[in-house]
Amino acid sequence: MIPVSDSLETMGFHTMTDDRCRVTSITSRLARCVLVVTERCNFACPYCRSHEGRHMPTDRAKATIRQWAGDELYAILFTGGEPTVHPDIVPLVRYAASLGVPHIGVATNGSATLSLYRELVDAGVNEFNISLDTDNAADSAVLTGRSPSVWTDVVANIRALSRMARVTIGFVIDEHNVSRAEPIIRFAMGLGVADIRLNPAAQFSALLPPIELDPESVAGYPNLSWRLRNGRRGVGVRGLGAGDAGRCWLVQDEMTVSGEWHYPCFIYMREGGRPIGRFGPGVRQSRLEWLTSHSPQDDPICRANCADCCSAFNRRYEELQGADRG
């Protein structure tokens, strides 16, 4: 069980806050929604299941964003696949910004041209979550299935984008790079990014390897600091314990949409879970019905894969709202 300290803000996720816990319901402002705009990706990372597939039709994507904006959506994350391969990613970002969504993020492998990333910033993106799983070009070629030169381009993009927007690096740990976790983190710390997120691959382990870094040196990276502290306690990044919440309260004010379907979260979708239902009017009521009838503790996907930040939010929700654990 991950201890929640004075507030959720220590985790370093901008929508994971105590204030959100106090008001979350199916009628509160939408906090964060994830839009899977494409199943395609130009990388072939061994831990990822998305390489080929379809783009989400632009009209459907816009209709989804429009409905979310009607519920005062605070943060949207465009993801995939690799969202920058969607031919209308810039117009979609611009559309979200025109509807008043204040926080717009893109989860990317960082391999698009810098000019495209600049267009995205100009259109309204204020955060990039960039995957960088190694500190050298040779290993990158093995991990991504691309030329070693691509890694050099990605690193250059990270440095440049860190001066234009908030950039976080996502570091997926698996058998290919676990022995180099510490030097990779040190390398990432020199790129000017705002935070570094450590995520063991689902096929590898939910536990972080021992990483000995001076707490003062990582103090400026809240999520990295939080996860390293939990790692020293033997607490994994994913999975539920007996003390975790019996309901997923998060589904009330956030969701993942892929195609015409809405899911409890991106992880649940990625791990092959069934959608809650078809996206459209009444979607939040259907999520409440799913919440009240679904036990994460009895669901093998949730039990094995629930992210530490999500389980911490759900425990804090119950603490602050006095909710029945179910």
Protein backbone atom coordinates (compact mmCIF):
# COMPACT_ATOMS: atom_id res chain seq x y z
CA MET A 1 0.00 0.00 0.00
CA ILE A 2 1.36 3.41 -0.97
CA PRO A 3 1.10 5.95 1.81
CA VAL A 4 -0.58 9.19 0.76
CA SER A 5 1.29 11.96 2.54
CA ASP A 6 -0.10 15.43 3.27
CA SER A 7 -1.60 15.82 -0.20
CA LEU A 8 -1.82 14.14 -3.59
CA GLU A 9 0.17 17.02 -5.06
CA THR A 10 3.39 15.29 -3.94
CA MET A 11 2.94 12.82 -6.81
CA GLY A 12 3.61 15.43 -9.49
CA PHE A 13 0.48 14.79 -11.62
CA HIS A 14 -1.29 18.07 -12.28
CA THR A 15 -4.82 16.65 -12.04
CA MET A 16 -4.16 14.53 -8.96
CA THR A 17 -5.05 16.99 -6.22
CA ASP A 18 -6.81 16.98 -2.90
CA ASP A 19 -9.21 19.65 -4.15
CA ARG A 20 -10.26 17.36 -6.98
CA CYS A 21 -10.83 14.52 -4.51
CA ARG A 22 -13.17 16.71 -2.49
CA VAL A 23 -15.49 17.51 -5.42
CA THR A 24 -15.25 14.54 -7.82
CA SER A 25 -18.65 13.26 -8.94
CA ILE A 26 -20.45 12.57 -12.21
CA THR A 27 -21.57 16.20 -12.29
CA SER A 28 -18.24 17.83 -11.42
CA ARG A 29 -15.96 19.35 -14.02
CA LEU A 30 -14.17 16.74 -16.13
CA ALA A 31 -10.61 16.62 -14.83
CA ARG A 32 -8.68 14.69 -17.45
CA CYS A 33 -9.64 12.77 -20.58
CA VAL A 34 -7.48 10.71 -22.92
CA LEU A 35 -8.23 10.59 -26.64
CA VAL A 36 -6.66 7.75 -28.64
CA VAL A 37 -6.51 9.44 -32.04
CA THR A 38 -4.71 6.60 -33.83
CA GLU A 39 -3.67 2.98 -33.41
CA ARG A 40 -0.66 3.48 -35.68
CA CYS A 41 2.91 4.01 -34.56
CA ASN A 42 6.19 4.50 -36.41
CA PHE A 43 8.14 2.68 -33.67
CA ALA A 44 8.12 -1.03 -32.85
CA CYS A 45 8.90 -1.04 -29.12
CA PRO A 46 8.83 -4.60 -27.71
CA TYR A 47 6.65 -3.69 -24.71
CA CYS A 48 3.98 -1.95 -26.81
CA ARG A 49 1.07 -3.56 -28.64
CA SER A 50 0.31 -0.66 -31.02
CA HIS A 51 2.10 -0.62 -34.37
CA GLU A 52 -0.62 -0.77 -37.00
CA GLY A 53 -4.29 0.14 -37.19
CA ARG A 54 -6.63 2.97 -38.00
CA HIS A 55 -6.77 6.68 -37.39
CA MET A 56 -9.78 7.95 -35.46
CA PRO A 57 -11.96 9.88 -37.93
CA THR A 58 -11.46 13.59 -37.40
CA ASP A 59 -15.18 14.34 -37.19
CA ARG A 60 -15.60 11.74 -34.45
CA ALA A 61 -12.59 13.06 -32.57
CA LYS A 62 -13.98 16.60 -32.73
CA ALA A 63 -17.41 15.43 -31.53
CA THR A 64 -15.75 13.74 -28.56
CA ILE A 65 -13.74 16.84 -27.67
CA ARG A 66 -16.85 19.00 -28.05
CA GLN A 67 -18.84 16.86 -25.61
CA TRP A 68 -15.99 16.89 -23.09
CA ALA A 69 -15.65 20.67 -23.40
CA GLY A 70 -19.35 20.93 -22.55
CA ASP A 71 -18.43 19.48 -19.15
CA GLU A 72 -15.65 22.08 -18.68
CA LEU A 73 -12.82 19.66 -19.40
CA TYR A 74 -9.63 20.79 -17.66
CA ALA A 75 -7.02 18.56 -19.33
CA ILE A 76 -6.93 16.48 -22.51
CA LEU A 77 -4.18 14.10 -23.56
CA PHE A 78 -3.86 13.13 -27.22
CA THR A 79 -2.27 9.71 -27.52
CA GLY A 80 -2.09 6.59 -29.68
CA GLY A 81 -0.25 4.74 -31.09
CA GLU A 82 1.80 7.77 -32.01
CA PRO A 83 -0.57 10.75 -32.22
CA THR A 84 1.71 12.86 -34.40
CA VAL A 85 1.12 10.45 -37.33
CA HIS A 86 -2.57 11.42 -37.38
CA PRO A 87 -2.94 13.76 -40.38
CA ASP A 88 -5.19 16.16 -38.44
CA ILE A 89 -3.43 16.23 -35.07
CA VAL A 90 -2.74 19.99 -35.33
CA PRO A 91 -6.36 20.90 -36.21
CA LEU A 92 -7.59 18.66 -33.38
CA VAL A 93 -5.35 20.41 -30.87
CA ARG A 94 -6.44 23.79 -32.22
CA TYR A 95 -10.08 22.72 -31.89
CA ALA A 96 -9.63 21.73 -28.24
CA ALA A 97 -7.97 25.08 -27.54
CA SER A 98 -10.78 26.97 -29.32
CA LEU A 99 -13.29 25.30 -26.97
CA GLY A 100 -11.42 26.57 -23.93
CA VAL A 101 -9.65 23.39 -22.76
CA PRO A 102 -6.83 24.96 -20.71
CA HIS A 103 -4.41 22.05 -20.46
CA ILE A 104 -3.57 20.19 -23.68
CA GLY A 105 -1.00 17.41 -23.71
CA VAL A 106 0.43 15.08 -26.35
CA ALA A 107 1.99 11.72 -25.50
CA THR A 108 4.62 11.11 -28.18
CA ASN A 109 7.77 9.16 -28.94
CA GLY A 110 9.43 12.47 -29.85
CA SER A 111 10.35 11.47 -33.40
CA ALA A 112 8.22 13.95 -35.35
CA THR A 113 9.86 16.97 -36.91
CA LEU A 114 10.56 19.90 -34.63
CA SER A 115 8.48 22.05 -36.99
CA LEU A 116 5.43 19.86 -36.31
CA TYR A 117 5.98 20.10 -32.56
CA ARG A 118 6.23 23.89 -32.90
CA GLU A 119 2.91 23.86 -34.77
CA LEU A 120 1.37 21.88 -31.92
CA VAL A 121 2.64 24.38 -29.37
CA ASP A 122 1.28 27.25 -31.44
CA ALA A 123 -2.06 25.40 -31.71
CA GLY A 124 -2.36 25.07 -27.93
CA VAL A 125 -0.23 22.21 -26.57
CA ASN A 126 1.36 23.09 -23.25
CA GLU A 127 2.71 19.67 -22.25
CA PHE A 128 4.49 16.81 -24.00
CA ASN A 129 4.94 13.38 -22.47
CA ILE A 130 7.86 11.93 -24.40
CA SER A 131 9.08 8.33 -24.27
CA LEU A 132 12.84 7.96 -23.86
CA ASP A 133 13.84 4.52 -22.70
CA THR A 134 17.60 4.68 -23.14
CA ASP A 135 20.56 7.03 -23.01
CA ASN A 136 22.27 5.94 -26.23
CA ALA A 137 21.52 5.51 -29.92
CA ALA A 138 22.54 1.84 -30.19
CA ASP A 139 20.11 0.65 -27.52
CA SER A 140 17.41 2.90 -28.97
CA ALA A 141 17.67 1.12 -32.31
CA VAL A 142 17.01 -2.21 -30.56
CA LEU A 143 14.13 -0.84 -28.49
CA THR A 144 12.34 1.09 -31.24
CA GLY A 145 13.20 -0.78 -34.42
CA ARG A 146 14.39 2.48 -35.96
CA SER A 147 17.75 3.84 -37.12
CA PRO A 148 20.13 4.98 -34.34
CA SER A 149 19.93 8.48 -35.80
CA VAL A 150 16.30 8.72 -34.67
CA TRP A 151 17.42 8.74 -31.03
CA THR A 152 19.64 11.75 -31.73
CA ASP A 153 16.67 13.57 -33.26
CA VAL A 154 14.43 12.72 -30.30
CA VAL A 155 16.98 14.01 -27.80
CA ALA A 156 17.36 17.25 -29.77
CA ASN A 157 13.57 17.63 -29.84
CA ILE A 158 13.35 17.11 -26.07
CA ARG A 159 15.93 19.82 -25.43
CA ALA A 160 14.15 22.26 -27.76
CA LEU A 161 10.63 21.50 -26.55
CA SER A 162 11.64 21.88 -22.90
CA ARG A 163 12.13 25.57 -23.68
CA MET A 164 8.64 25.89 -25.23
CA ALA A 165 6.35 23.77 -23.04
CA ARG A 166 6.29 21.48 -20.02
CA VAL A 167 8.04 18.24 -20.98
CA THR A 168 8.03 15.03 -18.99
CA ILE A 169 10.01 11.96 -19.96
CA GLY A 170 8.40 8.54 -19.66
CA PHE A 171 10.97 5.82 -19.04
CA VAL A 172 9.60 2.30 -19.57
CA ILE A 173 11.78 -0.28 -17.81
CA ASP A 174 12.04 -3.81 -19.21
CA GLU A 175 14.68 -6.52 -19.57
CA HIS A 176 16.45 -4.53 -22.30
CA ASN A 177 17.30 -1.50 -20.20
CA VAL A 178 16.81 -2.37 -16.52
CA SER A 179 20.56 -2.65 -15.90
CA ARG A 180 21.01 0.94 -17.08
CA ALA A 181 18.12 2.52 -15.19
CA GLU A 182 20.27 4.81 -13.08
CA PRO A 183 22.45 6.24 -15.89
CA ILE A 184 19.37 6.72 -18.07
CA ILE A 185 17.72 8.75 -15.32
CA ARG A 186 20.87 10.82 -14.87
CA PHE A 187 20.95 11.45 -18.62
CA ALA A 188 17.29 12.49 -18.64
CA MET A 189 17.94 14.91 -15.78
CA GLY A 190 20.34 16.79 -18.01
CA LEU A 191 17.80 17.50 -20.76
CA GLY A 192 15.93 20.33 -19.07
CA VAL A 193 12.68 18.41 -18.55
CA ALA A 194 10.11 19.10 -15.83
CA ASP A 195 9.74 15.54 -14.58
CA ILE A 196 10.68 11.89 -15.21
CA ARG A 197 8.22 9.01 -14.86
CA LEU A 198 9.41 5.45 -14.28
CA ASN A 199 7.11 2.71 -15.55
CA PRO A 200 8.03 -0.98 -15.50
CA ALA A 201 6.64 -2.68 -18.62
CA ALA A 202 3.58 -4.83 -17.99
CA GLN A 203 5.44 -7.91 -19.25
CA PHE A 204 8.41 -7.23 -16.99
CA SER A 205 7.69 -6.32 -13.37
CA ALA A 206 5.63 -3.87 -11.36
CA LEU A 207 8.58 -3.23 -9.05
CA LEU A 208 11.28 -0.69 -9.71
CA PRO A 209 14.88 -1.92 -9.60
CA PRO A 210 17.09 -0.54 -6.83
CA ILE A 211 18.09 2.96 -7.91
CA GLU A 212 20.51 4.88 -5.71
CA LEU A 213 20.16 8.58 -6.38
CA ASP A 214 20.71 11.40 -3.92
CA PRO A 215 17.23 12.60 -2.83
CA GLU A 216 18.39 16.20 -3.13
CA SER A 217 19.40 15.68 -6.77
CA VAL A 218 15.91 14.46 -7.72
CA ALA A 219 13.95 16.88 -5.54
CA GLY A 220 13.03 19.01 -8.55
CA TYR A 221 11.32 16.04 -10.24
CA PRO A 222 8.23 15.33 -8.11
CA ASN A 223 7.02 12.14 -9.76
CA LEU A 224 10.51 10.69 -9.98
CA SER A 225 11.08 11.47 -6.30
CA TRP A 226 7.75 9.97 -5.32
CA ARG A 227 8.31 6.74 -7.20
CA LEU A 228 11.87 6.33 -5.98
CA ARG A 229 10.64 6.70 -2.39
CA ASN A 230 8.02 4.05 -2.99
CA GLY A 231 10.59 1.79 -4.65
CA ARG A 232 12.78 1.96 -1.56
CA ARG A 233 9.75 0.82 0.45
CA GLY A 234 9.22 -2.12 -1.92
CA VAL A 235 6.02 -0.62 -3.30
CA GLY A 236 5.29 -1.30 -6.96
CA VAL A 237 4.12 1.13 -9.62
CA ARG A 238 1.15 -1.06 -10.56
CA GLY A 239 -1.27 -3.38 -8.84
CA LEU A 240 -3.70 -3.28 -5.94
CA GLY A 241 -3.21 -4.35 -2.35
CA ALA A 242 -5.75 -5.42 0.26
CA GLY A 243 -5.84 -1.88 1.67
CA ASP A 244 -6.71 -0.23 -1.61
CA ALA A 245 -10.13 1.15 -2.50
CA GLY A 246 -12.96 -1.15 -3.45
CA ARG A 247 -14.22 1.25 -6.10
CA CYS A 248 -12.58 3.25 -8.90
CA TRP A 249 -13.85 6.74 -8.07
CA LEU A 250 -11.68 8.24 -10.81
CA VAL A 251 -14.05 7.12 -13.55
CA GLN A 252 -16.53 9.80 -12.51
CA ASP A 253 -14.54 12.73 -13.91
CA GLU A 254 -12.06 11.26 -16.36
CA MET A 255 -12.14 8.73 -19.17
CA THR A 256 -10.33 7.26 -22.15
CA VAL A 257 -12.02 7.17 -25.55
CA SER A 258 -10.84 5.07 -28.48
CA GLY A 259 -12.98 5.08 -31.60
CA GLU A 260 -16.60 5.06 -30.51
CA TRP A 261 -15.96 3.42 -27.12
CA HIS A 262 -15.16 4.74 -23.66
CA TYR A 263 -13.01 2.84 -21.16
CA PRO A 264 -12.32 3.20 -17.43
CA CYS A 265 -8.75 4.31 -18.20
CA PHE A 266 -6.00 3.99 -20.78
CA ILE A 267 -4.32 1.10 -18.93
CA TYR A 268 -7.56 -0.87 -18.84
CA MET A 269 -7.99 -0.40 -22.58
CA ARG A 270 -4.34 -1.25 -23.31
CA GLU A 271 -4.55 -4.47 -21.30
CA GLY A 272 -7.54 -5.71 -23.31
CA GLY A 273 -10.36 -4.76 -20.94
CA ARG A 274 -13.85 -4.35 -22.32
CA PRO A 275 -15.16 -0.81 -22.82
CA ILE A 276 -17.76 0.52 -20.43
CA GLY A 277 -19.92 1.39 -23.41
CA ARG A 278 -20.40 3.47 -26.51
CA PHE A 279 -19.41 7.13 -26.15
CA GLY A 280 -22.20 9.67 -26.44
CA PRO A 281 -24.92 11.42 -24.41
CA GLY A 282 -25.33 9.89 -20.97
CA VAL A 283 -21.73 8.66 -20.88
CA ARG A 284 -21.11 9.87 -17.34
CA GLN A 285 -24.22 8.15 -16.00
CA SER A 286 -23.06 4.89 -17.60
CA ARG A 287 -19.71 5.34 -15.88
CA LEU A 288 -21.44 5.76 -12.52
CA GLU A 289 -23.35 2.52 -13.13
CA TRP A 290 -20.06 0.78 -13.97
CA LEU A 291 -18.43 2.22 -10.84
CA THR A 292 -21.14 1.00 -8.49
CA SER A 293 -21.23 -2.50 -9.98
CA HIS A 294 -17.50 -3.03 -10.54
CA SER A 295 -14.94 -4.14 -7.98
CA PRO A 296 -11.32 -3.40 -8.98
CA GLN A 297 -10.20 -5.94 -6.40
CA ASP A 298 -12.12 -8.66 -8.26
CA ASP A 299 -11.01 -7.57 -11.74
CA PRO A 300 -7.72 -9.23 -12.77
CA ILE A 301 -6.76 -6.29 -15.00
CA CYS A 302 -7.23 -3.72 -12.23
CA ARG A 303 -5.72 -5.95 -9.56
CA ALA A 304 -2.51 -6.48 -11.56
CA ASN A 305 -2.18 -3.19 -13.43
CA CYS A 306 -3.83 -0.29 -11.58
CA ALA A 307 -1.33 2.58 -11.50
CA ASP A 308 -0.01 3.76 -8.15
CA CYS A 309 -1.30 7.31 -8.73
CA CYS A 310 -4.82 6.02 -9.42
CA SER A 311 -4.96 3.78 -6.35
CA ALA A 312 -3.62 6.65 -4.24
CA PHE A 313 -6.33 8.97 -5.59
CA ASN A 314 -9.07 6.45 -4.85
CA ARG A 315 -7.87 5.96 -1.27
CA ARG A 316 -7.64 9.72 -0.76
CA TYR A 317 -11.13 10.17 -2.22
CA GLU A 318 -12.55 7.78 0.35
CA GLU A 319 -10.65 9.54 3.10
CA LEU A 320 -11.81 13.06 2.14
CA GLN A 321 -15.36 12.23 1.05
CA GLY A 322 -16.01 9.49 3.59
CA ALA A 323 -17.14 7.21 0.76
CA ASP A 324 -18.23 3.64 1.24
CA ARG A 325 -15.38 1.40 0.07
CA GLY A 326 -17.83 -0.94 -1.67
